[in-house]
Amino acid sequence: MTIYVGNLSFKATEADITDVFAEYGTVKQVKVPTDRETGRMRGFAFVEMESKAEEEAAIKDLDGADWMGRTLRVNEARPRT
């Protein structure tokens, strides 16, 4: 499963996101999409963790949490259509 993390601060880095999710287990990968024209972060990211249990715990605890002055939206990522 991949976790969608929305409403991120534009100051958040891949390392910041990894640190937050590492509290719930092993982070396999963090993808932070950027705008093609400006190179600026788009305000969301995708996180993959080692196990489904770790991902579920992170979603449960972080959805709605205040981080870097923003209320996070954290849920299971939906496949692209």
N, C-alpha and C. Protein backbone atom coordinates (compact mmCIF):
# COMPACT_ATOMS: atom_id res chain seq x y z
N MET A 1 0.85 -1.18 0.00
CA MET A 1 0.00 0.00 0.00
C MET A 1 0.89 1.24 0.00
N THR A 2 0.38 2.28 -0.59
CA THR A 2 1.06 3.57 -0.58
C THR A 2 0.18 4.54 0.19
N ILE A 3 0.82 5.39 0.98
CA ILE A 3 0.11 6.38 1.78
C ILE A 3 0.17 7.73 1.08
N TYR A 4 -0.97 8.39 0.98
CA TYR A 4 -1.05 9.75 0.46
C TYR A 4 -0.98 10.70 1.65
N VAL A 5 -0.12 11.70 1.58
CA VAL A 5 0.00 12.70 2.63
C VAL A 5 -0.27 14.06 1.99
N GLY A 6 -1.39 14.67 2.35
CA GLY A 6 -1.78 15.93 1.74
C GLY A 6 -1.75 17.09 2.70
N ASN A 7 -1.89 18.29 2.15
CA ASN A 7 -1.88 19.54 2.88
C ASN A 7 -0.55 19.77 3.60
N LEU A 8 0.55 19.36 2.95
CA LEU A 8 1.87 19.56 3.52
C LEU A 8 2.32 21.01 3.37
N SER A 9 3.12 21.45 4.30
CA SER A 9 3.76 22.75 4.20
C SER A 9 4.72 22.72 3.02
N PHE A 10 4.82 23.81 2.30
CA PHE A 10 5.74 23.88 1.17
C PHE A 10 7.20 23.92 1.63
N LYS A 11 7.41 24.08 2.94
CA LYS A 11 8.77 24.05 3.50
C LYS A 11 9.21 22.64 3.88
N ALA A 12 8.28 21.68 3.88
CA ALA A 12 8.61 20.31 4.26
C ALA A 12 9.52 19.68 3.21
N THR A 13 10.49 18.92 3.68
CA THR A 13 11.40 18.23 2.77
C THR A 13 11.15 16.73 2.84
N GLU A 14 11.74 16.01 1.91
CA GLU A 14 11.64 14.54 1.93
C GLU A 14 12.17 13.99 3.25
N ALA A 15 13.26 14.56 3.75
CA ALA A 15 13.85 14.11 5.02
C ALA A 15 12.90 14.37 6.19
N ASP A 16 12.22 15.52 6.19
CA ASP A 16 11.25 15.83 7.26
C ASP A 16 10.14 14.79 7.28
N ILE A 17 9.62 14.48 6.10
CA ILE A 17 8.52 13.52 5.99
C ILE A 17 8.99 12.13 6.43
N THR A 18 10.17 11.75 6.01
CA THR A 18 10.74 10.46 6.41
C THR A 18 10.86 10.37 7.92
N ASP A 19 11.34 11.44 8.56
CA ASP A 19 11.49 11.45 10.02
C ASP A 19 10.16 11.24 10.73
N VAL A 20 9.11 11.90 10.26
CA VAL A 20 7.80 11.76 10.90
C VAL A 20 7.28 10.33 10.78
N PHE A 21 7.38 9.75 9.58
CA PHE A 21 6.85 8.41 9.37
C PHE A 21 7.74 7.32 9.96
N ALA A 22 9.01 7.61 10.18
CA ALA A 22 9.93 6.64 10.78
C ALA A 22 9.54 6.31 12.21
N GLU A 23 8.77 7.18 12.84
CA GLU A 23 8.28 6.90 14.20
C GLU A 23 7.32 5.71 14.21
N TYR A 24 6.79 5.34 13.05
CA TYR A 24 5.81 4.25 12.96
C TYR A 24 6.40 2.99 12.34
N GLY A 25 7.65 3.02 11.92
CA GLY A 25 8.30 1.85 11.34
C GLY A 25 9.29 2.24 10.27
N THR A 26 9.66 1.27 9.47
CA THR A 26 10.66 1.47 8.43
C THR A 26 10.04 2.10 7.19
N VAL A 27 10.58 3.23 6.78
CA VAL A 27 10.11 3.92 5.59
C VAL A 27 10.92 3.41 4.40
N LYS A 28 10.23 2.83 3.42
CA LYS A 28 10.90 2.31 2.23
C LYS A 28 11.15 3.40 1.21
N GLN A 29 10.18 4.30 1.04
CA GLN A 29 10.31 5.32 0.00
C GLN A 29 9.39 6.50 0.28
N VAL A 30 9.86 7.69 -0.05
CA VAL A 30 9.05 8.90 0.01
C VAL A 30 9.17 9.59 -1.35
N LYS A 31 8.03 9.89 -1.96
CA LYS A 31 8.02 10.62 -3.23
C LYS A 31 7.33 11.95 -3.00
N VAL A 32 8.03 13.02 -3.37
CA VAL A 32 7.50 14.38 -3.21
C VAL A 32 7.40 14.99 -4.61
N PRO A 33 6.20 14.97 -5.22
CA PRO A 33 6.04 15.56 -6.55
C PRO A 33 6.31 17.07 -6.55
N THR A 34 6.92 17.53 -7.62
CA THR A 34 7.20 18.95 -7.76
C THR A 34 6.55 19.48 -9.03
N ASP A 35 6.31 20.77 -9.03
CA ASP A 35 5.73 21.43 -10.20
C ASP A 35 6.76 21.43 -11.33
N ARG A 36 6.35 21.09 -12.51
CA ARG A 36 7.28 21.00 -13.64
C ARG A 36 7.91 22.34 -14.00
N GLU A 37 7.12 23.39 -13.90
CA GLU A 37 7.61 24.70 -14.32
C GLU A 37 8.44 25.40 -13.26
N THR A 38 8.00 25.34 -12.01
CA THR A 38 8.70 26.08 -10.95
C THR A 38 9.66 25.22 -10.14
N GLY A 39 9.46 23.90 -10.16
CA GLY A 39 10.30 23.01 -9.35
C GLY A 39 9.89 23.01 -7.89
N ARG A 40 8.84 23.75 -7.57
CA ARG A 40 8.36 23.85 -6.18
C ARG A 40 7.52 22.63 -5.82
N MET A 41 7.61 22.23 -4.57
CA MET A 41 6.81 21.12 -4.06
C MET A 41 5.33 21.43 -4.26
N ARG A 42 4.53 20.40 -4.55
CA ARG A 42 3.11 20.60 -4.85
C ARG A 42 2.20 20.49 -3.62
N GLY A 43 2.75 20.22 -2.45
CA GLY A 43 1.95 20.21 -1.23
C GLY A 43 1.43 18.85 -0.82
N PHE A 44 1.92 17.80 -1.49
CA PHE A 44 1.55 16.45 -1.09
C PHE A 44 2.71 15.51 -1.37
N ALA A 45 2.61 14.30 -0.79
CA ALA A 45 3.67 13.31 -0.97
C ALA A 45 3.07 11.91 -0.88
N PHE A 46 3.86 10.94 -1.27
CA PHE A 46 3.49 9.54 -1.16
C PHE A 46 4.56 8.82 -0.36
N VAL A 47 4.13 7.99 0.58
CA VAL A 47 5.06 7.28 1.46
C VAL A 47 4.77 5.79 1.38
N GLU A 48 5.83 5.00 1.27
CA GLU A 48 5.72 3.54 1.34
C GLU A 48 6.49 3.07 2.56
N MET A 49 5.86 2.16 3.32
CA MET A 49 6.50 1.64 4.52
C MET A 49 6.68 0.13 4.40
N GLU A 50 7.42 -0.43 5.34
CA GLU A 50 7.79 -1.84 5.30
C GLU A 50 6.59 -2.78 5.40
N SER A 51 5.64 -2.46 6.28
CA SER A 51 4.51 -3.38 6.46
C SER A 51 3.18 -2.63 6.48
N LYS A 52 2.13 -3.36 6.20
CA LYS A 52 0.78 -2.79 6.19
C LYS A 52 0.40 -2.30 7.59
N ALA A 53 0.81 -3.01 8.63
CA ALA A 53 0.50 -2.61 10.01
C ALA A 53 1.12 -1.26 10.35
N GLU A 54 2.36 -1.03 9.90
CA GLU A 54 3.03 0.25 10.13
C GLU A 54 2.29 1.37 9.40
N GLU A 55 1.89 1.09 8.17
CA GLU A 55 1.17 2.09 7.38
C GLU A 55 -0.16 2.44 8.03
N GLU A 56 -0.89 1.44 8.49
CA GLU A 56 -2.19 1.68 9.14
C GLU A 56 -2.03 2.49 10.41
N ALA A 57 -0.98 2.21 11.20
CA ALA A 57 -0.74 2.96 12.43
C ALA A 57 -0.41 4.42 12.12
N ALA A 58 0.39 4.66 11.08
CA ALA A 58 0.74 6.02 10.70
C ALA A 58 -0.49 6.78 10.22
N ILE A 59 -1.33 6.13 9.41
CA ILE A 59 -2.54 6.78 8.93
C ILE A 59 -3.45 7.14 10.10
N LYS A 60 -3.63 6.20 11.01
CA LYS A 60 -4.52 6.41 12.15
C LYS A 60 -4.05 7.60 13.01
N ASP A 61 -2.76 7.67 13.27
CA ASP A 61 -2.24 8.71 14.16
C ASP A 61 -2.03 10.06 13.49
N LEU A 62 -1.66 10.07 12.22
CA LEU A 62 -1.28 11.32 11.57
C LEU A 62 -2.40 12.03 10.82
N ASP A 63 -3.46 11.32 10.45
CA ASP A 63 -4.56 11.97 9.75
C ASP A 63 -5.21 13.00 10.67
N GLY A 64 -5.20 14.25 10.25
CA GLY A 64 -5.76 15.33 11.06
C GLY A 64 -4.78 15.96 12.03
N ALA A 65 -3.56 15.45 12.07
CA ALA A 65 -2.55 15.98 12.99
C ALA A 65 -2.03 17.33 12.49
N ASP A 66 -1.66 18.20 13.42
CA ASP A 66 -1.07 19.48 13.07
C ASP A 66 0.44 19.30 12.95
N TRP A 67 1.00 19.66 11.78
CA TRP A 67 2.43 19.52 11.55
C TRP A 67 2.91 20.68 10.69
N MET A 68 3.90 21.38 11.17
CA MET A 68 4.47 22.56 10.48
C MET A 68 3.37 23.58 10.17
N GLY A 69 2.42 23.73 11.10
CA GLY A 69 1.37 24.72 10.94
C GLY A 69 0.24 24.33 10.00
N ARG A 70 0.20 23.08 9.57
CA ARG A 70 -0.84 22.60 8.64
C ARG A 70 -1.51 21.36 9.23
N THR A 71 -2.78 21.15 8.91
CA THR A 71 -3.50 19.95 9.33
C THR A 71 -3.34 18.91 8.23
N LEU A 72 -2.64 17.83 8.55
CA LEU A 72 -2.35 16.81 7.55
C LEU A 72 -3.57 16.00 7.15
N ARG A 73 -3.61 15.61 5.89
CA ARG A 73 -4.58 14.63 5.40
C ARG A 73 -3.76 13.40 5.03
N VAL A 74 -3.99 12.32 5.75
CA VAL A 74 -3.21 11.10 5.53
C VAL A 74 -4.17 9.94 5.32
N ASN A 75 -4.05 9.27 4.17
CA ASN A 75 -4.90 8.11 3.89
C ASN A 75 -4.24 7.22 2.86
N GLU A 76 -4.89 6.10 2.59
CA GLU A 76 -4.38 5.19 1.59
C GLU A 76 -4.49 5.85 0.22
N ALA A 77 -3.41 5.80 -0.54
CA ALA A 77 -3.41 6.42 -1.87
C ALA A 77 -4.30 5.61 -2.81
N ARG A 78 -5.04 6.33 -3.64
CA ARG A 78 -5.88 5.67 -4.64
C ARG A 78 -5.08 5.49 -5.92
N PRO A 79 -5.33 4.42 -6.65
CA PRO A 79 -4.60 4.24 -7.91
C PRO A 79 -4.99 5.31 -8.92
N ARG A 80 -4.04 5.63 -9.78
CA ARG A 80 -4.32 6.61 -10.83
C ARG A 80 -5.36 6.06 -11.79
N THR A 81 -6.20 6.95 -12.31
CA THR A 81 -7.22 6.51 -13.27
C THR A 81 -6.89 7.00 -14.65
